[in-house]
Structures are given as structure tokens and as C-alpha cells.
Amino acid sequence: MLDHLSLHCIYAQEFWADLVSRLGLRNITPSQNVGINDWWLLAPSRVAKPQSKQLNSLVMLALRALWLERNDRVFNGKRSPVLVMLDAVLDEWASWVVCRSGTLGEVD
């Protein structure tokens, strides 16, 4: 069930596709035949070394956002469009990067 909610449901697929596209990281798009653990272990090896820690932070934020979205749908009857959630995740991620490094230059 975790793989479905985090990678394979339609909402998660659209979210990840939009996220990696926006960041220019299409080479880390999760495939249908991989689980979250395997994908998360592989994804950082497909980006430059300095970006791997930032990518791990982004994945944690994204997984949390997907989980919260699922809970809102199930328990509160609320639905957020993928692009709204994506913008929120990227805004929070930018704040994390600023707090960690003092600049957003490393994200690009």
C-alpha cells in the first residue's frame, strides 16, 4: 500500500512527473515496477553529489505531502490539485535549502 500511495496512484504519478519535470530531473522519474525504497535508494545516484542531500530532503517533503493529501481526501473530503501541492512542496523545500546553505544557488 505504501508503494501505491507514494508512487503508483494516479495522483502520485502526476505529482512526481510534474516535480521531476519542473526540476529538470526526468532521469529520476519513478517507474511502475519499482517500490519506494528501491527508487529512493537509486534516485540520489542519478544527480550530482551536491544535490543528493537536497534531493533526499525534497523526497521527504514530497512523501509527507502525499500522505497528508491522502488523509485530507479520506478523512476530510478535501482535494488539492497536484499543482497546488507541488508549489507548496517546492516553496517549503526552498526554505529548507535556504536554512541549510544560506542560498538557493545550489538548488538550480
PDB file of N, CA and C in Angstrom:
ATOM      1  N   MET A   1       0.818  -1.192   0.000  1.00  0.00           N
ATOM      2  CA  MET A   1       0.000   0.000   0.000  1.00  0.00           C
ATOM      3  C   MET A   1       0.864   1.260   0.000  1.00  0.00           C
ATOM      4  N   LEU A   2       1.995   1.225   0.709  1.00  0.00           N
ATOM      5  CA  LEU A   2       2.883   2.391   0.744  1.00  0.00           C
ATOM      6  C   LEU A   2       3.385   2.741  -0.657  1.00  0.00           C
ATOM      7  N   ASP A   3       3.774   1.734  -1.429  1.00  0.00           N
ATOM      8  CA  ASP A   3       4.237   1.998  -2.796  1.00  0.00           C
ATOM      9  C   ASP A   3       3.129   2.631  -3.632  1.00  0.00           C
ATOM     10  N   HIS A   4       1.917   2.148  -3.456  1.00  0.00           N
ATOM     11  CA  HIS A   4       0.802   2.699  -4.219  1.00  0.00           C
ATOM     12  C   HIS A   4       0.575   4.169  -3.868  1.00  0.00           C
ATOM     13  N   LEU A   5       0.474   4.466  -2.575  1.00  0.00           N
ATOM     14  CA  LEU A   5       0.199   5.843  -2.151  1.00  0.00           C
ATOM     15  C   LEU A   5       1.334   6.796  -2.488  1.00  0.00           C
ATOM     16  N   SER A   6       2.569   6.319  -2.391  1.00  0.00           N
ATOM     17  CA  SER A   6       3.704   7.221  -2.570  1.00  0.00           C
ATOM     18  C   SER A   6       4.183   7.338  -4.009  1.00  0.00           C
ATOM     19  N   LEU A   7       3.912   6.333  -4.837  1.00  0.00           N
ATOM     20  CA  LEU A   7       4.432   6.370  -6.206  1.00  0.00           C
ATOM     21  C   LEU A   7       3.421   6.037  -7.298  1.00  0.00           C
ATOM     22  N   HIS A   8       2.523   5.100  -7.055  1.00  0.00           N
ATOM     23  CA  HIS A   8       1.795   4.494  -8.158  1.00  0.00           C
ATOM     24  C   HIS A   8       0.346   4.903  -8.350  1.00  0.00           C
ATOM     25  N   CYS A   9      -0.277   5.542  -7.363  1.00  0.00           N
ATOM     26  CA  CYS A   9      -1.640   6.004  -7.619  1.00  0.00           C
ATOM     27  C   CYS A   9      -1.570   7.135  -8.652  1.00  0.00           C
ATOM     28  N   ILE A  10      -2.663   7.391  -9.311  1.00  0.00           N
ATOM     29  CA  ILE A  10      -2.701   8.396 -10.383  1.00  0.00           C
ATOM     30  C   ILE A  10      -2.218   9.754  -9.890  1.00  0.00           C
ATOM     31  N   TYR A  11      -2.668  10.152  -8.705  1.00  0.00           N
ATOM     32  CA  TYR A  11      -2.282  11.452  -8.137  1.00  0.00           C
ATOM     33  C   TYR A  11      -0.774  11.508  -7.911  1.00  0.00           C
ATOM     34  N   ALA A  12      -0.209  10.463  -7.298  1.00  0.00           N
ATOM     35  CA  ALA A  12       1.230  10.428  -7.032  1.00  0.00           C
ATOM     36  C   ALA A  12       2.024  10.407  -8.336  1.00  0.00           C
ATOM     37  N   GLN A  13       1.568   9.670  -9.317  1.00  0.00           N
ATOM     38  CA  GLN A  13       2.265   9.631 -10.607  1.00  0.00           C
ATOM     39  C   GLN A  13       2.313  11.016 -11.239  1.00  0.00           C
ATOM     40  N   GLU A  14       1.187  11.706 -11.227  1.00  0.00           N
ATOM     41  CA  GLU A  14       1.142  13.058 -11.798  1.00  0.00           C
ATOM     42  C   GLU A  14       2.047  13.999 -11.001  1.00  0.00           C
ATOM     43  N   PHE A  15       1.999  13.883  -9.671  1.00  0.00           N
ATOM     44  CA  PHE A  15       2.829  14.722  -8.820  1.00  0.00           C
ATOM     45  C   PHE A  15       4.315  14.524  -9.142  1.00  0.00           C
ATOM     46  N   TRP A  16       4.790  13.271  -9.137  1.00  0.00           N
ATOM     47  CA  TRP A  16       6.210  13.005  -9.394  1.00  0.00           C
ATOM     48  C   TRP A  16       6.621  13.435 -10.792  1.00  0.00           C
ATOM     49  N   ALA A  17       5.763  13.185 -11.788  1.00  0.00           N
ATOM     50  CA  ALA A  17       6.084  13.584 -13.162  1.00  0.00           C
ATOM     51  C   ALA A  17       6.240  15.099 -13.261  1.00  0.00           C
ATOM     52  N   ASP A  18       5.322  15.843 -12.637  1.00  0.00           N
ATOM     53  CA  ASP A  18       5.406  17.308 -12.660  1.00  0.00           C
ATOM     54  C   ASP A  18       6.621  17.806 -11.883  1.00  0.00           C
ATOM     55  N   LEU A  19       6.893  17.173 -10.757  1.00  0.00           N
ATOM     56  CA  LEU A  19       8.022  17.590  -9.923  1.00  0.00           C
ATOM     57  C   LEU A  19       9.350  17.405 -10.645  1.00  0.00           C
ATOM     58  N   VAL A  20       9.602  16.224 -11.150  1.00  0.00           N
ATOM     59  CA  VAL A  20      10.896  15.982 -11.806  1.00  0.00           C
ATOM     60  C   VAL A  20      11.015  16.775 -13.096  1.00  0.00           C
ATOM     61  N   SER A  21       9.895  17.006 -13.760  1.00  0.00           N
ATOM     62  CA  SER A  21       9.917  17.828 -14.965  1.00  0.00           C
ATOM     63  C   SER A  21      10.279  19.268 -14.631  1.00  0.00           C
ATOM     64  N   ARG A  22       9.646  19.797 -13.601  1.00  0.00           N
ATOM     65  CA  ARG A  22       9.906  21.178 -13.208  1.00  0.00           C
ATOM     66  C   ARG A  22      11.362  21.374 -12.785  1.00  0.00           C
ATOM     67  N   LEU A  23      11.944  20.360 -12.179  1.00  0.00           N
ATOM     68  CA  LEU A  23      13.330  20.449 -11.711  1.00  0.00           C
ATOM     69  C   LEU A  23      14.344  20.007 -12.766  1.00  0.00           C
ATOM     70  N   GLY A  24      13.851  19.540 -13.904  1.00  0.00           N
ATOM     71  CA  GLY A  24      14.761  19.069 -14.953  1.00  0.00           C
ATOM     72  C   GLY A  24      15.464  17.775 -14.572  1.00  0.00           C
ATOM     73  N   LEU A  25      14.794  16.939 -13.795  1.00  0.00           N
ATOM     74  CA  LEU A  25      15.381  15.680 -13.324  1.00  0.00           C
ATOM     75  C   LEU A  25      14.580  14.476 -13.813  1.00  0.00           C
ATOM     76  N   ARG A  26      14.239  14.467 -15.073  1.00  0.00           N
ATOM     77  CA  ARG A  26      13.406  13.396 -15.624  1.00  0.00           C
ATOM     78  C   ARG A  26      14.050  12.022 -15.483  1.00  0.00           C
ATOM     79  N   ASN A  27      15.367  11.989 -15.298  1.00  0.00           N
ATOM     80  CA  ASN A  27      16.054  10.704 -15.172  1.00  0.00           C
ATOM     81  C   ASN A  27      15.768  10.008 -13.846  1.00  0.00           C
ATOM     82  N   ILE A  28      15.059  10.662 -12.934  1.00  0.00           N
ATOM     83  CA  ILE A  28      14.721  10.012 -11.666  1.00  0.00           C
ATOM     84  C   ILE A  28      13.226   9.733 -11.541  1.00  0.00           C
ATOM     85  N   THR A  29      12.483   9.870 -12.616  1.00  0.00           N
ATOM     86  CA  THR A  29      11.052   9.593 -12.586  1.00  0.00           C
ATOM     87  C   THR A  29      10.815   8.159 -12.125  1.00  0.00           C
ATOM     88  N   PRO A  30       9.985   7.958 -11.100  1.00  0.00           N
ATOM     89  CA  PRO A  30       9.706   6.593 -10.635  1.00  0.00           C
ATOM     90  C   PRO A  30       8.986   5.779 -11.704  1.00  0.00           C
ATOM     91  N   SER A  31       9.379   4.540 -11.856  1.00  0.00           N
ATOM     92  CA  SER A  31       8.709   3.672 -12.820  1.00  0.00           C
ATOM     93  C   SER A  31       7.678   2.805 -12.098  1.00  0.00           C
ATOM     94  N   GLN A  32       6.794   2.204 -12.859  1.00  0.00           N
ATOM     95  CA  GLN A  32       5.700   1.407 -12.299  1.00  0.00           C
ATOM     96  C   GLN A  32       6.179   0.136 -11.596  1.00  0.00           C
ATOM     97  N   ASN A  33       7.324  -0.373 -11.977  1.00  0.00           N
ATOM     98  CA  ASN A  33       7.765  -1.659 -11.436  1.00  0.00           C
ATOM     99  C   ASN A  33       8.765  -1.523 -10.289  1.00  0.00           C
ATOM    100  N   VAL A  34       8.847  -0.362  -9.670  1.00  0.00           N
ATOM    101  CA  VAL A  34       9.797  -0.164  -8.577  1.00  0.00           C
ATOM    102  C   VAL A  34       9.047   0.290  -7.328  1.00  0.00           C
ATOM    103  N   GLY A  35       9.535  -0.146  -6.179  1.00  0.00           N
ATOM    104  CA  GLY A  35       8.950   0.269  -4.910  1.00  0.00           C
ATOM    105  C   GLY A  35       9.622   1.538  -4.411  1.00  0.00           C
ATOM    106  N   ILE A  36       9.014   2.166  -3.426  1.00  0.00           N
ATOM    107  CA  ILE A  36       9.540   3.428  -2.906  1.00  0.00           C
ATOM    108  C   ILE A  36      10.945   3.270  -2.352  1.00  0.00           C
ATOM    109  N   ASN A  37      11.216   2.193  -1.629  1.00  0.00           N
ATOM    110  CA  ASN A  37      12.551   2.007  -1.052  1.00  0.00           C
ATOM    111  C   ASN A  37      13.618   1.901  -2.131  1.00  0.00           C
ATOM    112  N   ASP A  38      13.372   1.079  -3.132  1.00  0.00           N
ATOM    113  CA  ASP A  38      14.351   0.901  -4.212  1.00  0.00           C
ATOM    114  C   ASP A  38      14.534   2.188  -5.003  1.00  0.00           C
ATOM    115  N   TRP A  39      13.425   2.869  -5.300  1.00  0.00           N
ATOM    116  CA  TRP A  39      13.528   4.114  -6.064  1.00  0.00           C
ATOM    117  C   TRP A  39      14.309   5.169  -5.282  1.00  0.00           C
ATOM    118  N   TRP A  40      14.003   5.305  -4.001  1.00  0.00           N
ATOM    119  CA  TRP A  40      14.648   6.331  -3.188  1.00  0.00           C
ATOM    120  C   TRP A  40      16.138   6.048  -3.023  1.00  0.00           C
ATOM    121  N   LEU A  41      16.521   4.808  -2.969  1.00  0.00           N
ATOM    122  CA  LEU A  41      17.948   4.477  -2.895  1.00  0.00           C
ATOM    123  C   LEU A  41      18.665   4.774  -4.211  1.00  0.00           C
ATOM    124  N   LEU A  42      17.971   4.606  -5.328  1.00  0.00           N
ATOM    125  CA  LEU A  42      18.576   4.807  -6.640  1.00  0.00           C
ATOM    126  C   LEU A  42      18.595   6.277  -7.069  1.00  0.00           C
ATOM    127  N   ALA A  43      17.561   7.027  -6.761  1.00  0.00           N
ATOM    128  CA  ALA A  43      17.414   8.397  -7.265  1.00  0.00           C
ATOM    129  C   ALA A  43      18.610   9.302  -6.953  1.00  0.00           C
ATOM    130  N   PRO A  44      19.150   9.332  -5.736  1.00  0.00           N
ATOM    131  CA  PRO A  44      20.280  10.235  -5.469  1.00  0.00           C
ATOM    132  C   PRO A  44      21.531   9.926  -6.292  1.00  0.00           C
ATOM    133  N   SER A  45      21.679   8.692  -6.728  1.00  0.00           N
ATOM    134  CA  SER A  45      22.850   8.351  -7.551  1.00  0.00           C
ATOM    135  C   SER A  45      22.725   8.905  -8.969  1.00  0.00           C
ATOM    136  N   ARG A  46      21.554   9.381  -9.319  1.00  0.00           N
ATOM    137  CA  ARG A  46      21.321   9.918 -10.666  1.00  0.00           C
ATOM    138  C   ARG A  46      21.408  11.438 -10.732  1.00  0.00           C
ATOM    139  N   VAL A  47      21.802  12.058  -9.622  1.00  0.00           N
ATOM    140  CA  VAL A  47      22.013  13.506  -9.610  1.00  0.00           C
ATOM    141  C   VAL A  47      23.442  13.783  -9.151  1.00  0.00           C
ATOM    142  N   ALA A  48      23.888  15.005  -9.351  1.00  0.00           N
ATOM    143  CA  ALA A  48      25.229  15.393  -8.917  1.00  0.00           C
ATOM    144  C   ALA A  48      25.328  15.249  -7.399  1.00  0.00           C
ATOM    145  N   LYS A  49      26.496  14.883  -6.926  1.00  0.00           N
ATOM    146  CA  LYS A  49      26.723  14.629  -5.495  1.00  0.00           C
ATOM    147  C   LYS A  49      26.200  15.754  -4.588  1.00  0.00           C
ATOM    148  N   PRO A  50      26.495  17.034  -4.896  1.00  0.00           N
ATOM    149  CA  PRO A  50      25.997  18.099  -4.002  1.00  0.00           C
ATOM    150  C   PRO A  50      24.471  18.153  -3.924  1.00  0.00           C
ATOM    151  N   GLN A  51      23.800  17.694  -4.964  1.00  0.00           N
ATOM    152  CA  GLN A  51      22.336  17.763  -4.986  1.00  0.00           C
ATOM    153  C   GLN A  51      21.669  16.580  -4.294  1.00  0.00           C
ATOM    154  N   SER A  52      22.432  15.525  -3.981  1.00  0.00           N
ATOM    155  CA  SER A  52      21.802  14.320  -3.446  1.00  0.00           C
ATOM    156  C   SER A  52      21.160  14.559  -2.083  1.00  0.00           C
ATOM    157  N   LYS A  53      21.795  15.341  -1.215  1.00  0.00           N
ATOM    158  CA  LYS A  53      21.182  15.634   0.085  1.00  0.00           C
ATOM    159  C   LYS A  53      19.928  16.480  -0.090  1.00  0.00           C
ATOM    160  N   GLN A  54      19.987  17.429  -1.005  1.00  0.00           N
ATOM    161  CA  GLN A  54      18.817  18.259  -1.266  1.00  0.00           C
ATOM    162  C   GLN A  54      17.686  17.417  -1.843  1.00  0.00           C
ATOM    163  N   LEU A  55      18.044  16.464  -2.692  1.00  0.00           N
ATOM    164  CA  LEU A  55      17.033  15.582  -3.255  1.00  0.00           C
ATOM    165  C   LEU A  55      16.387  14.746  -2.152  1.00  0.00           C
ATOM    166  N   ASN A  56      17.180  14.248  -1.226  1.00  0.00           N
ATOM    167  CA  ASN A  56      16.613  13.475  -0.121  1.00  0.00           C
ATOM    168  C   ASN A  56      15.639  14.314   0.696  1.00  0.00           C
ATOM    169  N   SER A  57      15.976  15.568   0.946  1.00  0.00           N
ATOM    170  CA  SER A  57      15.057  16.461   1.659  1.00  0.00           C
ATOM    171  C   SER A  57      13.776  16.654   0.866  1.00  0.00           C
ATOM    172  N   LEU A  58      13.912  16.827  -0.428  1.00  0.00           N
ATOM    173  CA  LEU A  58      12.744  17.016  -1.280  1.00  0.00           C
ATOM    174  C   LEU A  58      11.855  15.775  -1.276  1.00  0.00           C
ATOM    175  N   VAL A  59      12.453  14.599  -1.338  1.00  0.00           N
ATOM    176  CA  VAL A  59      11.664  13.369  -1.326  1.00  0.00           C
ATOM    177  C   VAL A  59      10.912  13.243  -0.007  1.00  0.00           C
ATOM    178  N   MET A  60      11.555  13.559   1.101  1.00  0.00           N
ATOM    179  CA  MET A  60      10.862  13.502   2.395  1.00  0.00           C
ATOM    180  C   MET A  60       9.676  14.456   2.429  1.00  0.00           C
ATOM    181  N   LEU A  61       9.876  15.668   1.944  1.00  0.00           N
ATOM    182  CA  LEU A  61       8.773  16.636   1.898  1.00  0.00           C
ATOM    183  C   LEU A  61       7.652  16.152   0.987  1.00  0.00           C
ATOM    184  N   ALA A  62       8.019  15.612  -0.151  1.00  0.00           N
ATOM    185  CA  ALA A  62       7.021  15.145  -1.113  1.00  0.00           C
ATOM    186  C   ALA A  62       6.214  13.985  -0.546  1.00  0.00           C
ATOM    187  N   LEU A  63       6.887  13.039   0.083  1.00  0.00           N
ATOM    188  CA  LEU A  63       6.175  11.895   0.661  1.00  0.00           C
ATOM    189  C   LEU A  63       5.233  12.342   1.776  1.00  0.00           C
ATOM    190  N   ARG A  64       5.691  13.283   2.575  1.00  0.00           N
ATOM    191  CA  ARG A  64       4.832  13.820   3.636  1.00  0.00           C
ATOM    192  C   ARG A  64       3.607  14.505   3.031  1.00  0.00           C
ATOM    193  N   ALA A  65       3.819  15.280   1.989  1.00  0.00           N
ATOM    194  CA  ALA A  65       2.706  15.986   1.348  1.00  0.00           C
ATOM    195  C   ALA A  65       1.712  14.997   0.732  1.00  0.00           C
ATOM    196  N   LEU A  66       2.222  13.945   0.103  1.00  0.00           N
ATOM    197  CA  LEU A  66       1.324  12.931  -0.464  1.00  0.00           C
ATOM    198  C   LEU A  66       0.512  12.247   0.628  1.00  0.00           C
ATOM    199  N   TRP A  67       1.150  11.954   1.745  1.00  0.00           N
ATOM    200  CA  TRP A  67       0.444  11.319   2.861  1.00  0.00           C
ATOM    201  C   TRP A  67      -0.637  12.251   3.421  1.00  0.00           C
ATOM    202  N   LEU A  68      -0.293  13.523   3.610  1.00  0.00           N
ATOM    203  CA  LEU A  68      -1.270  14.473   4.130  1.00  0.00           C
ATOM    204  C   LEU A  68      -2.429  14.675   3.156  1.00  0.00           C
ATOM    205  N   GLU A  69      -2.121  14.664   1.861  1.00  0.00           N
ATOM    206  CA  GLU A  69      -3.176  14.783   0.855  1.00  0.00           C
ATOM    207  C   GLU A  69      -4.115  13.586   0.934  1.00  0.00           C
ATOM    208  N   ARG A  70      -3.551  12.415   1.084  1.00  0.00           N
ATOM    209  CA  ARG A  70      -4.356  11.204   1.220  1.00  0.00           C
ATOM    210  C   ARG A  70      -5.268  11.314   2.439  1.00  0.00           C
ATOM    211  N   ASN A  71      -4.716  11.772   3.558  1.00  0.00           N
ATOM    212  CA  ASN A  71      -5.520  11.913   4.770  1.00  0.00           C
ATOM    213  C   ASN A  71      -6.626  12.943   4.598  1.00  0.00           C
ATOM    214  N   ASP A  72      -6.328  14.062   3.944  1.00  0.00           N
ATOM    215  CA  ASP A  72      -7.360  15.073   3.686  1.00  0.00           C
ATOM    216  C   ASP A  72      -8.498  14.498   2.845  1.00  0.00           C
ATOM    217  N   ARG A  73      -8.145  13.696   1.861  1.00  0.00           N
ATOM    218  CA  ARG A  73      -9.169  13.096   1.000  1.00  0.00           C
ATOM    219  C   ARG A  73     -10.026  12.098   1.771  1.00  0.00           C
ATOM    220  N   VAL A  74      -9.379  11.240   2.531  1.00  0.00           N
ATOM    221  CA  VAL A  74     -10.102  10.173   3.228  1.00  0.00           C
ATOM    222  C   VAL A  74     -10.897  10.700   4.415  1.00  0.00           C
ATOM    223  N   PHE A  75     -10.291  11.539   5.226  1.00  0.00           N
ATOM    224  CA  PHE A  75     -10.914  11.934   6.490  1.00  0.00           C
ATOM    225  C   PHE A  75     -11.654  13.265   6.444  1.00  0.00           C
ATOM    226  N   ASN A  76     -11.292  14.150   5.516  1.00  0.00           N
ATOM    227  CA  ASN A  76     -11.892  15.480   5.488  1.00  0.00           C
ATOM    228  C   ASN A  76     -12.656  15.782   4.210  1.00  0.00           C
ATOM    229  N   GLY A  77     -12.587  14.883   3.234  1.00  0.00           N
ATOM    230  CA  GLY A  77     -13.283  15.115   1.972  1.00  0.00           C
ATOM    231  C   GLY A  77     -12.720  16.271   1.164  1.00  0.00           C
ATOM    232  N   LYS A  78     -11.470  16.652   1.427  1.00  0.00           N
ATOM    233  CA  LYS A  78     -10.833  17.769   0.716  1.00  0.00           C
ATOM    234  C   LYS A  78      -9.859  17.220  -0.325  1.00  0.00           C
ATOM    235  N   ARG A  79      -9.763  17.919  -1.439  1.00  0.00           N
ATOM    236  CA  ARG A  79      -8.842  17.525  -2.504  1.00  0.00           C
ATOM    237  C   ARG A  79      -8.076  18.750  -2.986  1.00  0.00           C
ATOM    238  N   SER A  80      -6.763  18.600  -3.085  1.00  0.00           N
ATOM    239  CA  SER A  80      -5.926  19.673  -3.622  1.00  0.00           C
ATOM    240  C   SER A  80      -5.454  19.280  -5.012  1.00  0.00           C
ATOM    241  N   PRO A  81      -5.487  20.214  -5.951  1.00  0.00           N
ATOM    242  CA  PRO A  81      -4.910  19.923  -7.261  1.00  0.00           C
ATOM    243  C   PRO A  81      -3.407  19.635  -7.118  1.00  0.00           C
ATOM    244  N   VAL A  82      -2.894  18.801  -7.988  1.00  0.00           N
ATOM    245  CA  VAL A  82      -1.483  18.426  -7.933  1.00  0.00           C
ATOM    246  C   VAL A  82      -0.584  19.657  -7.976  1.00  0.00           C
ATOM    247  N   LEU A  83      -0.884  20.607  -8.843  1.00  0.00           N
ATOM    248  CA  LEU A  83      -0.007  21.769  -8.981  1.00  0.00           C
ATOM    249  C   LEU A  83       0.009  22.632  -7.724  1.00  0.00           C
ATOM    250  N   VAL A  84      -1.090  22.678  -6.995  1.00  0.00           N
ATOM    251  CA  VAL A  84      -1.124  23.423  -5.737  1.00  0.00           C
ATOM    252  C   VAL A  84      -0.204  22.755  -4.724  1.00  0.00           C
ATOM    253  N   MET A  85      -0.307  21.434  -4.616  1.00  0.00           N
ATOM    254  CA  MET A  85       0.551  20.711  -3.682  1.00  0.00           C
ATOM    255  C   MET A  85       2.015  20.810  -4.116  1.00  0.00           C
ATOM    256  N   LEU A  86       2.261  20.717  -5.393  1.00  0.00           N
ATOM    257  CA  LEU A  86       3.630  20.816  -5.908  1.00  0.00           C
ATOM    258  C   LEU A  86       4.244  22.166  -5.554  1.00  0.00           C
ATOM    259  N   ASP A  87       3.509  23.239  -5.759  1.00  0.00           N
ATOM    260  CA  ASP A  87       4.017  24.573  -5.398  1.00  0.00           C
ATOM    261  C   ASP A  87       4.314  24.669  -3.907  1.00  0.00           C
ATOM    262  N   ALA A  88       3.433  24.108  -3.086  1.00  0.00           N
ATOM    263  CA  ALA A  88       3.645  24.147  -1.637  1.00  0.00           C
ATOM    264  C   ALA A  88       4.898  23.370  -1.243  1.00  0.00           C
ATOM    265  N   VAL A  89       5.097  22.211  -1.830  1.00  0.00           N
ATOM    266  CA  VAL A  89       6.284  21.398  -1.528  1.00  0.00           C
ATOM    267  C   VAL A  89       7.546  22.125  -1.958  1.00  0.00           C
ATOM    268  N   LEU A  90       7.540  22.698  -3.148  1.00  0.00           N
ATOM    269  CA  LEU A  90       8.735  23.397  -3.636  1.00  0.00           C
ATOM    270  C   LEU A  90       9.032  24.650  -2.819  1.00  0.00           C
ATOM    271  N   ASP A  91       7.995  25.349  -2.369  1.00  0.00           N
ATOM    272  CA  ASP A  91       8.208  26.515  -1.504  1.00  0.00           C
ATOM    273  C   ASP A  91       8.836  26.103  -0.177  1.00  0.00           C
ATOM    274  N   GLU A  92       8.314  25.038   0.406  1.00  0.00           N
ATOM    275  CA  GLU A  92       8.874  24.580   1.679  1.00  0.00           C
ATOM    276  C   GLU A  92      10.299  24.065   1.487  1.00  0.00           C
ATOM    277  N   TRP A  93      10.540  23.367   0.402  1.00  0.00           N
ATOM    278  CA  TRP A  93      11.874  22.851   0.099  1.00  0.00           C
ATOM    279  C   TRP A  93      12.869  24.000  -0.058  1.00  0.00           C
ATOM    280  N   ALA A  94      12.461  25.058  -0.742  1.00  0.00           N
ATOM    281  CA  ALA A  94      13.336  26.222  -0.905  1.00  0.00           C
ATOM    282  C   ALA A  94      13.693  26.809   0.455  1.00  0.00           C
ATOM    283  N   SER A  95      12.736  26.834   1.368  1.00  0.00           N
ATOM    284  CA  SER A  95      13.024  27.325   2.721  1.00  0.00           C
ATOM    285  C   SER A  95      14.029  26.428   3.427  1.00  0.00           C
ATOM    286  N   TRP A  96      13.893  25.129   3.266  1.00  0.00           N
ATOM    287  CA  TRP A  96      14.846  24.189   3.873  1.00  0.00           C
ATOM    288  C   TRP A  96      16.247  24.432   3.326  1.00  0.00           C
ATOM    289  N   VAL A  97      16.336  24.633   2.014  1.00  0.00           N
ATOM    290  CA  VAL A  97      17.643  24.829   1.382  1.00  0.00           C
ATOM    291  C   VAL A  97      18.272  26.123   1.880  1.00  0.00           C
ATOM    292  N   VAL A  98      17.482  27.183   1.984  1.00  0.00           N
ATOM    293  CA  VAL A  98      17.990  28.463   2.478  1.00  0.00           C
ATOM    294  C   VAL A  98      18.497  28.298   3.911  1.00  0.00           C
ATOM    295  N   CYS A  99      17.734  27.619   4.726  1.00  0.00           N
ATOM    296  CA  CYS A  99      18.153  27.414   6.123  1.00  0.00           C
ATOM    297  C   CYS A  99      19.440  26.600   6.204  1.00  0.00           C
ATOM    298  N   ARG A 100      19.600  25.654   5.310  1.00  0.00           N
ATOM    299  CA  ARG A 100      20.774  24.790   5.344  1.00  0.00           C
ATOM    300  C   ARG A 100      22.013  25.462   4.773  1.00  0.00           C
ATOM    301  N   SER A 101      21.850  26.191   3.665  1.00  0.00           N
ATOM    302  CA  SER A 101      23.024  26.707   2.967  1.00  0.00           C
ATOM    303  C   SER A 101      23.096  28.223   2.898  1.00  0.00           C
ATOM    304  N   GLY A 102      22.014  28.893   3.165  1.00  0.00           N
ATOM    305  CA  GLY A 102      22.010  30.342   3.089  1.00  0.00           C
ATOM    306  C   GLY A 102      21.788  30.880   1.693  1.00  0.00           C
ATOM    307  N   THR A 103      21.623  29.995   0.718  1.00  0.00           N
ATOM    308  CA  THR A 103      21.398  30.431  -0.659  1.00  0.00           C
ATOM    309  C   THR A 103      20.585  29.396  -1.405  1.00  0.00           C
ATOM    310  N   LEU A 104      19.879  29.845  -2.408  1.00  0.00           N
ATOM    311  CA  LEU A 104      19.165  28.914  -3.268  1.00  0.00           C
ATOM    312  C   LEU A 104      20.012  28.510  -4.470  1.00  0.00           C
ATOM    313  N   GLY A 105      21.197  29.043  -4.593  1.00  0.00           N
ATOM    314  CA  GLY A 105      22.041  28.757  -5.757  1.00  0.00           C
ATOM    315  C   GLY A 105      22.320  27.299  -5.974  1.00  0.00           C
ATOM    316  N   GLU A 106      22.410  26.513  -4.906  1.00  0.00           N
ATOM    317  CA  GLU A 106      22.718  25.103  -5.054  1.00  0.00           C
ATOM    318  C   GLU A 106      21.571  24.283  -5.623  1.00  0.00           C
ATOM    319  N   VAL A 107      20.353  24.794  -5.547  1.00  0.00           N
ATOM    320  CA  VAL A 107      19.196  24.050  -5.995  1.00  0.00           C
ATOM    321  C   VAL A 107      19.171  23.948  -7.512  1.00  0.00           C
ATOM    322  N   ASP A 108      19.585  24.987  -8.180  1.00  0.00           N
ATOM    323  CA  ASP A 108      19.497  25.020  -9.656  1.00  0.00           C
ATOM    324  C   ASP A 108      20.356  24.010 -10.329  1.00  0.00           C
TER     325      ASP A 108
END
